[in-house]
Structures are given as C-alpha cells and as structure tokens.
Amino acid sequence: MSFFDEIKKDVGISDMKMLSGFSYVNFCGEALYIEGVKRLDKISNECILVRTSKAELEICGNLNVESVTENTIVIIGQIENVASRRLK
C-alpha cells in the first residue's frame, strides 16, 4: 500500500471523493505539487492563486511555475505559505 493510500484510509477519504476534489504536497517548502486544478486565477513571482472545484488555494513566497498540465501544477521556489478557502 502506498503512503497516500494509507493516509486516505486513515482519514476515511474515498477514491471517488478524491476525483472530485484536490490535493497538494509541499516538499520542504521548495516545491509544491497540486492535483485537481481547474484554472489559474493569478500568477506572479510572489503569489499564485489556483482554483479547484472545491477551493481556492493561495500560494505565497518567491515562486516559479515549473510545469502545468490539464489538472496539475508544480510550483518551485521558496514557498512561504499555502492557504485554502472553501468555495460554496
């Protein structure tokens, strides 16, 4: 069982719920991987706003977008803060 499968099991999150939501992993404040991206609302070196189906994420720091795909984004740099706000 993978690390993320164990976490999902421990907190009671199903694969179906994950498909309609979002997740992110912060690697030591140097790289951020976000899954479930619907659109990018703002991109600057200091702040990136990411919209998912269920929340808006605000990432602050000294940032660079490393890669973007249909539903993922990788941000690198000095990640100082990641905040999420649920959408109604």
PDB file of N, CA and C in Angstrom:
ATOM      1  N   MET A   1       0.845  -1.176   0.000  1.00  0.00           N
ATOM      2  CA  MET A   1       0.000   0.000   0.000  1.00  0.00           C
ATOM      3  C   MET A   1       0.890   1.239   0.000  1.00  0.00           C
ATOM      4  N   SER A   2       0.534   2.216  -0.824  1.00  0.00           N
ATOM      5  CA  SER A   2       1.342   3.428  -0.916  1.00  0.00           C
ATOM      6  C   SER A   2       1.085   4.344   0.277  1.00  0.00           C
ATOM      7  N   PHE A   3       1.980   5.281   0.456  1.00  0.00           N
ATOM      8  CA  PHE A   3       1.872   6.271   1.517  1.00  0.00           C
ATOM      9  C   PHE A   3       0.535   7.005   1.447  1.00  0.00           C
ATOM     10  N   PHE A   4       0.148   7.464   0.243  1.00  0.00           N
ATOM     11  CA  PHE A   4      -1.092   8.213   0.090  1.00  0.00           C
ATOM     12  C   PHE A   4      -2.310   7.319   0.276  1.00  0.00           C
ATOM     13  N   ASP A   5      -2.237   6.062  -0.138  1.00  0.00           N
ATOM     14  CA  ASP A   5      -3.339   5.130   0.107  1.00  0.00           C
ATOM     15  C   ASP A   5      -3.551   4.936   1.606  1.00  0.00           C
ATOM     16  N   GLU A   6      -2.467   4.848   2.360  1.00  0.00           N
ATOM     17  CA  GLU A   6      -2.574   4.694   3.815  1.00  0.00           C
ATOM     18  C   GLU A   6      -3.195   5.933   4.454  1.00  0.00           C
ATOM     19  N   ILE A   7      -2.798   7.107   4.001  1.00  0.00           N
ATOM     20  CA  ILE A   7      -3.377   8.340   4.542  1.00  0.00           C
ATOM     21  C   ILE A   7      -4.866   8.401   4.228  1.00  0.00           C
ATOM     22  N   LYS A   8      -5.252   8.110   2.980  1.00  0.00           N
ATOM     23  CA  LYS A   8      -6.670   8.130   2.616  1.00  0.00           C
ATOM     24  C   LYS A   8      -7.466   7.167   3.487  1.00  0.00           C
ATOM     25  N   LYS A   9      -6.928   6.001   3.723  1.00  0.00           N
ATOM     26  CA  LYS A   9      -7.608   5.004   4.560  1.00  0.00           C
ATOM     27  C   LYS A   9      -7.736   5.506   5.998  1.00  0.00           C
ATOM     28  N   ASP A  10      -6.671   6.070   6.536  1.00  0.00           N
ATOM     29  CA  ASP A  10      -6.679   6.548   7.922  1.00  0.00           C
ATOM     30  C   ASP A  10      -7.679   7.673   8.150  1.00  0.00           C
ATOM     31  N   VAL A  11      -7.843   8.564   7.175  1.00  0.00           N
ATOM     32  CA  VAL A  11      -8.753   9.701   7.345  1.00  0.00           C
ATOM     33  C   VAL A  11     -10.132   9.468   6.728  1.00  0.00           C
ATOM     34  N   GLY A  12     -10.304   8.347   6.044  1.00  0.00           N
ATOM     35  CA  GLY A  12     -11.617   7.994   5.508  1.00  0.00           C
ATOM     36  C   GLY A  12     -12.008   8.719   4.230  1.00  0.00           C
ATOM     37  N   ILE A  13     -11.042   9.014   3.387  1.00  0.00           N
ATOM     38  CA  ILE A  13     -11.317   9.667   2.101  1.00  0.00           C
ATOM     39  C   ILE A  13     -11.326   8.594   1.015  1.00  0.00           C
ATOM     40  N   SER A  14     -12.407   8.552   0.242  1.00  0.00           N
ATOM     41  CA  SER A  14     -12.507   7.551  -0.823  1.00  0.00           C
ATOM     42  C   SER A  14     -11.862   8.060  -2.106  1.00  0.00           C
ATOM     43  N   ASP A  15     -11.572   7.118  -2.997  1.00  0.00           N
ATOM     44  CA  ASP A  15     -11.029   7.490  -4.307  1.00  0.00           C
ATOM     45  C   ASP A  15     -12.021   8.347  -5.084  1.00  0.00           C
ATOM     46  N   MET A  16     -13.323   8.080  -4.947  1.00  0.00           N
ATOM     47  CA  MET A  16     -14.338   8.870  -5.642  1.00  0.00           C
ATOM     48  C   MET A  16     -14.343  10.305  -5.133  1.00  0.00           C
ATOM     49  N   LYS A  17     -14.182  10.486  -3.845  1.00  0.00           N
ATOM     50  CA  LYS A  17     -14.128  11.841  -3.284  1.00  0.00           C
ATOM     51  C   LYS A  17     -12.877  12.566  -3.773  1.00  0.00           C
ATOM     52  N   MET A  18     -11.767  11.859  -3.874  1.00  0.00           N
ATOM     53  CA  MET A  18     -10.529  12.458  -4.367  1.00  0.00           C
ATOM     54  C   MET A  18     -10.666  12.905  -5.824  1.00  0.00           C
ATOM     55  N   LEU A  19     -11.419  12.156  -6.627  1.00  0.00           N
ATOM     56  CA  LEU A  19     -11.586  12.516  -8.030  1.00  0.00           C
ATOM     57  C   LEU A  19     -12.310  13.846  -8.202  1.00  0.00           C
ATOM     58  N   SER A  20     -13.188  14.178  -7.268  1.00  0.00           N
ATOM     59  CA  SER A  20     -13.938  15.432  -7.387  1.00  0.00           C
ATOM     60  C   SER A  20     -13.346  16.543  -6.526  1.00  0.00           C
ATOM     61  N   GLY A  21     -12.196  16.301  -5.930  1.00  0.00           N
ATOM     62  CA  GLY A  21     -11.589  17.289  -5.047  1.00  0.00           C
ATOM     63  C   GLY A  21     -10.212  17.714  -5.506  1.00  0.00           C
ATOM     64  N   PHE A  22      -9.355  17.956  -4.531  1.00  0.00           N
ATOM     65  CA  PHE A  22      -7.995  18.388  -4.822  1.00  0.00           C
ATOM     66  C   PHE A  22      -7.077  17.863  -3.733  1.00  0.00           C
ATOM     67  N   SER A  23      -5.799  17.859  -4.038  1.00  0.00           N
ATOM     68  CA  SER A  23      -4.782  17.525  -3.039  1.00  0.00           C
ATOM     69  C   SER A  23      -3.496  18.229  -3.424  1.00  0.00           C
ATOM     70  N   TYR A  24      -2.662  18.454  -2.418  1.00  0.00           N
ATOM     71  CA  TYR A  24      -1.356  19.032  -2.701  1.00  0.00           C
ATOM     72  C   TYR A  24      -0.338  18.500  -1.730  1.00  0.00           C
ATOM     73  N   VAL A  25       0.909  18.507  -2.184  1.00  0.00           N
ATOM     74  CA  VAL A  25       2.031  18.059  -1.374  1.00  0.00           C
ATOM     75  C   VAL A  25       3.077  19.161  -1.406  1.00  0.00           C
ATOM     76  N   ASN A  26       3.510  19.565  -0.218  1.00  0.00           N
ATOM     77  CA  ASN A  26       4.546  20.582  -0.081  1.00  0.00           C
ATOM     78  C   ASN A  26       5.841  19.859   0.274  1.00  0.00           C
ATOM     79  N   PHE A  27       6.815  19.926  -0.590  1.00  0.00           N
ATOM     80  CA  PHE A  27       8.101  19.262  -0.393  1.00  0.00           C
ATOM     81  C   PHE A  27       9.095  20.250   0.216  1.00  0.00           C
ATOM     82  N   CYS A  28       9.175  20.263   1.544  1.00  0.00           N
ATOM     83  CA  CYS A  28      10.170  21.048   2.297  1.00  0.00           C
ATOM     84  C   CYS A  28      10.124  22.546   1.997  1.00  0.00           C
ATOM     85  N   GLY A  29       8.984  23.056   1.562  1.00  0.00           N
ATOM     86  CA  GLY A  29       8.877  24.472   1.248  1.00  0.00           C
ATOM     87  C   GLY A  29       9.640  24.881   0.000  1.00  0.00           C
ATOM     88  N   GLU A  30      10.050  23.881  -0.803  1.00  0.00           N
ATOM     89  CA  GLU A  30      10.825  24.165  -2.013  1.00  0.00           C
ATOM     90  C   GLU A  30      10.100  23.778  -3.295  1.00  0.00           C
ATOM     91  N   ALA A  31       9.097  22.920  -3.195  1.00  0.00           N
ATOM     92  CA  ALA A  31       8.302  22.517  -4.357  1.00  0.00           C
ATOM     93  C   ALA A  31       6.904  22.155  -3.872  1.00  0.00           C
ATOM     94  N   LEU A  32       5.915  22.524  -4.664  1.00  0.00           N
ATOM     95  CA  LEU A  32       4.523  22.251  -4.332  1.00  0.00           C
ATOM     96  C   LEU A  32       3.873  21.590  -5.536  1.00  0.00           C
ATOM     97  N   TYR A  33       3.283  20.424  -5.318  1.00  0.00           N
ATOM     98  CA  TYR A  33       2.565  19.692  -6.367  1.00  0.00           C
ATOM     99  C   TYR A  33       1.087  19.771  -6.026  1.00  0.00           C
ATOM    100  N   ILE A  34       0.269  20.279  -6.958  1.00  0.00           N
ATOM    101  CA  ILE A  34      -1.170  20.415  -6.737  1.00  0.00           C
ATOM    102  C   ILE A  34      -1.903  19.622  -7.801  1.00  0.00           C
ATOM    103  N   GLU A  35      -2.878  18.817  -7.368  1.00  0.00           N
ATOM    104  CA  GLU A  35      -3.700  17.987  -8.237  1.00  0.00           C
ATOM    105  C   GLU A  35      -5.150  18.438  -8.107  1.00  0.00           C
ATOM    106  N   GLY A  36      -5.893  18.417  -9.183  1.00  0.00           N
ATOM    107  CA  GLY A  36      -7.297  18.821  -9.160  1.00  0.00           C
ATOM    108  C   GLY A  36      -7.497  20.270  -9.569  1.00  0.00           C
ATOM    109  N   VAL A  37      -6.523  20.832 -10.274  1.00  0.00           N
ATOM    110  CA  VAL A  37      -6.566  22.236 -10.688  1.00  0.00           C
ATOM    111  C   VAL A  37      -7.609  22.417 -11.796  1.00  0.00           C
ATOM    112  N   LYS A  38      -8.455  23.437 -11.636  1.00  0.00           N
ATOM    113  CA  LYS A  38      -9.427  23.802 -12.669  1.00  0.00           C
ATOM    114  C   LYS A  38      -8.930  24.996 -13.485  1.00  0.00           C
ATOM    115  N   ARG A  39      -8.321  25.976 -12.794  1.00  0.00           N
ATOM    116  CA  ARG A  39      -7.762  27.123 -13.502  1.00  0.00           C
ATOM    117  C   ARG A  39      -6.807  27.889 -12.596  1.00  0.00           C
ATOM    118  N   LEU A  40      -5.986  28.716 -13.228  1.00  0.00           N
ATOM    119  CA  LEU A  40      -5.076  29.598 -12.505  1.00  0.00           C
ATOM    120  C   LEU A  40      -5.674  30.999 -12.557  1.00  0.00           C
ATOM    121  N   ASP A  41      -5.934  31.581 -11.397  1.00  0.00           N
ATOM    122  CA  ASP A  41      -6.534  32.915 -11.349  1.00  0.00           C
ATOM    123  C   ASP A  41      -5.500  34.023 -11.312  1.00  0.00           C
ATOM    124  N   LYS A  42      -4.310  33.746 -10.792  1.00  0.00           N
ATOM    125  CA  LYS A  42      -3.265  34.772 -10.712  1.00  0.00           C
ATOM    126  C   LYS A  42      -1.914  34.087 -10.682  1.00  0.00           C
ATOM    127  N   ILE A  43      -0.965  34.636 -11.436  1.00  0.00           N
ATOM    128  CA  ILE A  43       0.406  34.130 -11.407  1.00  0.00           C
ATOM    129  C   ILE A  43       1.351  35.319 -11.306  1.00  0.00           C
ATOM    130  N   SER A  44       2.138  35.352 -10.246  1.00  0.00           N
ATOM    131  CA  SER A  44       3.219  36.324 -10.117  1.00  0.00           C
ATOM    132  C   SER A  44       4.352  35.634  -9.366  1.00  0.00           C
ATOM    133  N   ASN A  45       5.476  36.293  -9.262  1.00  0.00           N
ATOM    134  CA  ASN A  45       6.610  35.707  -8.535  1.00  0.00           C
ATOM    135  C   ASN A  45       6.350  35.625  -7.037  1.00  0.00           C
ATOM    136  N   GLU A  46       5.383  36.418  -6.530  1.00  0.00           N
ATOM    137  CA  GLU A  46       5.106  36.448  -5.099  1.00  0.00           C
ATOM    138  C   GLU A  46       3.845  35.691  -4.694  1.00  0.00           C
ATOM    139  N   CYS A  47       2.894  35.534  -5.612  1.00  0.00           N
ATOM    140  CA  CYS A  47       1.610  34.926  -5.257  1.00  0.00           C
ATOM    141  C   CYS A  47       1.010  34.207  -6.457  1.00  0.00           C
ATOM    142  N   ILE A  48       0.496  33.011  -6.207  1.00  0.00           N
ATOM    143  CA  ILE A  48      -0.211  32.249  -7.237  1.00  0.00           C
ATOM    144  C   ILE A  48      -1.545  31.820  -6.646  1.00  0.00           C
ATOM    145  N   LEU A  49      -2.640  32.106  -7.360  1.00  0.00           N
ATOM    146  CA  LEU A  49      -3.972  31.677  -6.954  1.00  0.00           C
ATOM    147  C   LEU A  49      -4.426  30.561  -7.879  1.00  0.00           C
ATOM    148  N   VAL A  50      -4.783  29.438  -7.281  1.00  0.00           N
ATOM    149  CA  VAL A  50      -5.203  28.253  -8.023  1.00  0.00           C
ATOM    150  C   VAL A  50      -6.636  27.933  -7.639  1.00  0.00           C
ATOM    151  N   ARG A  51      -7.484  27.705  -8.636  1.00  0.00           N
ATOM    152  CA  ARG A  51      -8.881  27.351  -8.395  1.00  0.00           C
ATOM    153  C   ARG A  51      -9.064  25.859  -8.646  1.00  0.00           C
ATOM    154  N   THR A  52      -9.690  25.175  -7.678  1.00  0.00           N
ATOM    155  CA  THR A  52     -10.094  23.786  -7.850  1.00  0.00           C
ATOM    156  C   THR A  52     -11.621  23.766  -7.824  1.00  0.00           C
ATOM    157  N   SER A  53     -12.207  22.605  -7.944  1.00  0.00           N
ATOM    158  CA  SER A  53     -13.672  22.544  -7.925  1.00  0.00           C
ATOM    159  C   SER A  53     -14.238  22.855  -6.543  1.00  0.00           C
ATOM    160  N   LYS A  54     -13.446  22.676  -5.489  1.00  0.00           N
ATOM    161  CA  LYS A  54     -13.956  22.847  -4.132  1.00  0.00           C
ATOM    162  C   LYS A  54     -13.298  23.957  -3.334  1.00  0.00           C
ATOM    163  N   ALA A  55     -12.191  24.503  -3.824  1.00  0.00           N
ATOM    164  CA  ALA A  55     -11.463  25.501  -3.037  1.00  0.00           C
ATOM    165  C   ALA A  55     -10.605  26.386  -3.922  1.00  0.00           C
ATOM    166  N   GLU A  56     -10.169  27.480  -3.329  1.00  0.00           N
ATOM    167  CA  GLU A  56      -9.180  28.356  -3.939  1.00  0.00           C
ATOM    168  C   GLU A  56      -7.935  28.285  -3.066  1.00  0.00           C
ATOM    169  N   LEU A  57      -6.786  28.038  -3.691  1.00  0.00           N
ATOM    170  CA  LEU A  57      -5.515  27.964  -2.970  1.00  0.00           C
ATOM    171  C   LEU A  57      -4.700  29.205  -3.275  1.00  0.00           C
ATOM    172  N   GLU A  58      -4.121  29.791  -2.239  1.00  0.00           N
ATOM    173  CA  GLU A  58      -3.226  30.929  -2.400  1.00  0.00           C
ATOM    174  C   GLU A  58      -1.847  30.502  -1.929  1.00  0.00           C
ATOM    175  N   ILE A  59      -0.886  30.570  -2.820  1.00  0.00           N
ATOM    176  CA  ILE A  59       0.493  30.183  -2.527  1.00  0.00           C
ATOM    177  C   ILE A  59       1.334  31.447  -2.549  1.00  0.00           C
ATOM    178  N   CYS A  60       2.092  31.691  -1.481  1.00  0.00           N
ATOM    179  CA  CYS A  60       2.911  32.901  -1.375  1.00  0.00           C
ATOM    180  C   CYS A  60       4.371  32.530  -1.161  1.00  0.00           C
ATOM    181  N   GLY A  61       5.259  33.360  -1.661  1.00  0.00           N
ATOM    182  CA  GLY A  61       6.687  33.162  -1.491  1.00  0.00           C
ATOM    183  C   GLY A  61       7.449  33.755  -2.660  1.00  0.00           C
ATOM    184  N   ASN A  62       8.591  33.175  -2.952  1.00  0.00           N
ATOM    185  CA  ASN A  62       9.390  33.519  -4.120  1.00  0.00           C
ATOM    186  C   ASN A  62       9.206  32.355  -5.088  1.00  0.00           C
ATOM    187  N   LEU A  63       8.295  32.488  -6.043  1.00  0.00           N
ATOM    188  CA  LEU A  63       7.739  31.350  -6.762  1.00  0.00           C
ATOM    189  C   LEU A  63       8.040  31.350  -8.252  1.00  0.00           C
ATOM    190  N   ASN A  64       8.113  30.135  -8.804  1.00  0.00           N
ATOM    191  CA  ASN A  64       8.195  29.901 -10.243  1.00  0.00           C
ATOM    192  C   ASN A  64       7.311  28.713 -10.578  1.00  0.00           C
ATOM    193  N   VAL A  65       6.576  28.808 -11.674  1.00  0.00           N
ATOM    194  CA  VAL A  65       5.780  27.672 -12.140  1.00  0.00           C
ATOM    195  C   VAL A  65       6.698  26.775 -12.944  1.00  0.00           C
ATOM    196  N   GLU A  66       6.861  25.551 -12.479  1.00  0.00           N
ATOM    197  CA  GLU A  66       7.740  24.580 -13.130  1.00  0.00           C
ATOM    198  C   GLU A  66       7.016  23.867 -14.265  1.00  0.00           C
ATOM    199  N   SER A  67       5.773  23.432 -14.006  1.00  0.00           N
ATOM    200  CA  SER A  67       5.010  22.753 -15.058  1.00  0.00           C
ATOM    201  C   SER A  67       3.517  22.866 -14.773  1.00  0.00           C
ATOM    202  N   VAL A  68       2.747  22.803 -15.870  1.00  0.00           N
ATOM    203  CA  VAL A  68       1.293  22.849 -15.797  1.00  0.00           C
ATOM    204  C   VAL A  68       0.762  21.805 -16.763  1.00  0.00           C
ATOM    205  N   THR A  69      -0.188  20.988 -16.300  1.00  0.00           N
ATOM    206  CA  THR A  69      -0.883  20.057 -17.185  1.00  0.00           C
ATOM    207  C   THR A  69      -2.374  20.366 -17.091  1.00  0.00           C
ATOM    208  N   GLU A  70      -3.180  19.488 -17.631  1.00  0.00           N
ATOM    209  CA  GLU A  70      -4.626  19.705 -17.651  1.00  0.00           C
ATOM    210  C   GLU A  70      -5.204  19.894 -16.253  1.00  0.00           C
ATOM    211  N   ASN A  71      -4.691  19.160 -15.252  1.00  0.00           N
ATOM    212  CA  ASN A  71      -5.249  19.295 -13.902  1.00  0.00           C
ATOM    213  C   ASN A  71      -4.197  19.334 -12.791  1.00  0.00           C
ATOM    214  N   THR A  72      -2.939  19.539 -13.147  1.00  0.00           N
ATOM    215  CA  THR A  72      -1.891  19.626 -12.128  1.00  0.00           C
ATOM    216  C   THR A  72      -0.994  20.837 -12.375  1.00  0.00           C
ATOM    217  N   ILE A  73      -0.328  21.258 -11.311  1.00  0.00           N
ATOM    218  CA  ILE A  73       0.663  22.319 -11.414  1.00  0.00           C
ATOM    219  C   ILE A  73       1.778  22.017 -10.425  1.00  0.00           C
ATOM    220  N   VAL A  74       2.996  22.310 -10.840  1.00  0.00           N
ATOM    221  CA  VAL A  74       4.156  22.189  -9.954  1.00  0.00           C
ATOM    222  C   VAL A  74       4.763  23.579  -9.816  1.00  0.00           C
ATOM    223  N   ILE A  75       4.886  24.017  -8.570  1.00  0.00           N
ATOM    224  CA  ILE A  75       5.448  25.322  -8.256  1.00  0.00           C
ATOM    225  C   ILE A  75       6.738  25.094  -7.484  1.00  0.00           C
ATOM    226  N   ILE A  76       7.801  25.789  -7.882  1.00  0.00           N
ATOM    227  CA  ILE A  76       9.068  25.658  -7.173  1.00  0.00           C
ATOM    228  C   ILE A  76       9.498  27.027  -6.664  1.00  0.00           C
ATOM    229  N   GLY A  77      10.448  27.025  -5.755  1.00  0.00           N
ATOM    230  CA  GLY A  77      10.969  28.258  -5.190  1.00  0.00           C
ATOM    231  C   GLY A  77      10.947  28.199  -3.677  1.00  0.00           C
ATOM    232  N   GLN A  78      10.809  29.354  -3.057  1.00  0.00           N
ATOM    233  CA  GLN A  78      10.716  29.448  -1.607  1.00  0.00           C
ATOM    234  C   GLN A  78       9.236  29.614  -1.269  1.00  0.00           C
ATOM    235  N   ILE A  79       8.592  28.521  -0.884  1.00  0.00           N
ATOM    236  CA  ILE A  79       7.164  28.535  -0.582  1.00  0.00           C
ATOM    237  C   ILE A  79       6.997  28.893   0.888  1.00  0.00           C
ATOM    238  N   GLU A  80       6.448  30.076   1.123  1.00  0.00           N
ATOM    239  CA  GLU A  80       6.310  30.577   2.489  1.00  0.00           C
ATOM    240  C   GLU A  80       4.969  30.222   3.099  1.00  0.00           C
ATOM    241  N   ASN A  81       3.917  30.143   2.272  1.00  0.00           N
ATOM    242  CA  ASN A  81       2.588  29.903   2.820  1.00  0.00           C
ATOM    243  C   ASN A  81       1.685  29.295   1.743  1.00  0.00           C
ATOM    244  N   VAL A  82       0.853  28.355   2.178  1.00  0.00           N
ATOM    245  CA  VAL A  82      -0.195  27.810   1.326  1.00  0.00           C
ATOM    246  C   VAL A  82      -1.493  27.907   2.131  1.00  0.00           C
ATOM    247  N   ALA A  83      -2.467  28.634   1.608  1.00  0.00           N
ATOM    248  CA  ALA A  83      -3.737  28.798   2.295  1.00  0.00           C
ATOM    249  C   ALA A  83      -4.857  28.337   1.379  1.00  0.00           C
ATOM    250  N   SER A  84      -5.867  27.723   1.953  1.00  0.00           N
ATOM    251  CA  SER A  84      -7.020  27.290   1.154  1.00  0.00           C
ATOM    252  C   SER A  84      -8.294  27.899   1.715  1.00  0.00           C
ATOM    253  N   ARG A  85      -9.201  28.215   0.795  1.00  0.00           N
ATOM    254  CA  ARG A  85     -10.507  28.748   1.155  1.00  0.00           C
ATOM    255  C   ARG A  85     -11.550  27.946   0.394  1.00  0.00           C
ATOM    256  N   ARG A  86     -12.457  27.329   1.136  1.00  0.00           N
ATOM    257  CA  ARG A  86     -13.512  26.540   0.502  1.00  0.00           C
ATOM    258  C   ARG A  86     -14.428  27.422  -0.321  1.00  0.00           C
ATOM    259  N   LEU A  87     -14.835  26.895  -1.461  1.00  0.00           N
ATOM    260  CA  LEU A  87     -15.814  27.577  -2.298  1.00  0.00           C
ATOM    261  C   LEU A  87     -17.200  27.066  -1.921  1.00  0.00           C
ATOM    262  N   LYS A  88     -18.196  27.908  -2.068  1.00  0.00           N
ATOM    263  CA  LYS A  88     -19.565  27.500  -1.726  1.00  0.00           C
ATOM    264  C   LYS A  88     -20.151  26.586  -2.750  1.00  0.00           C
TER     265      LYS A  88
END
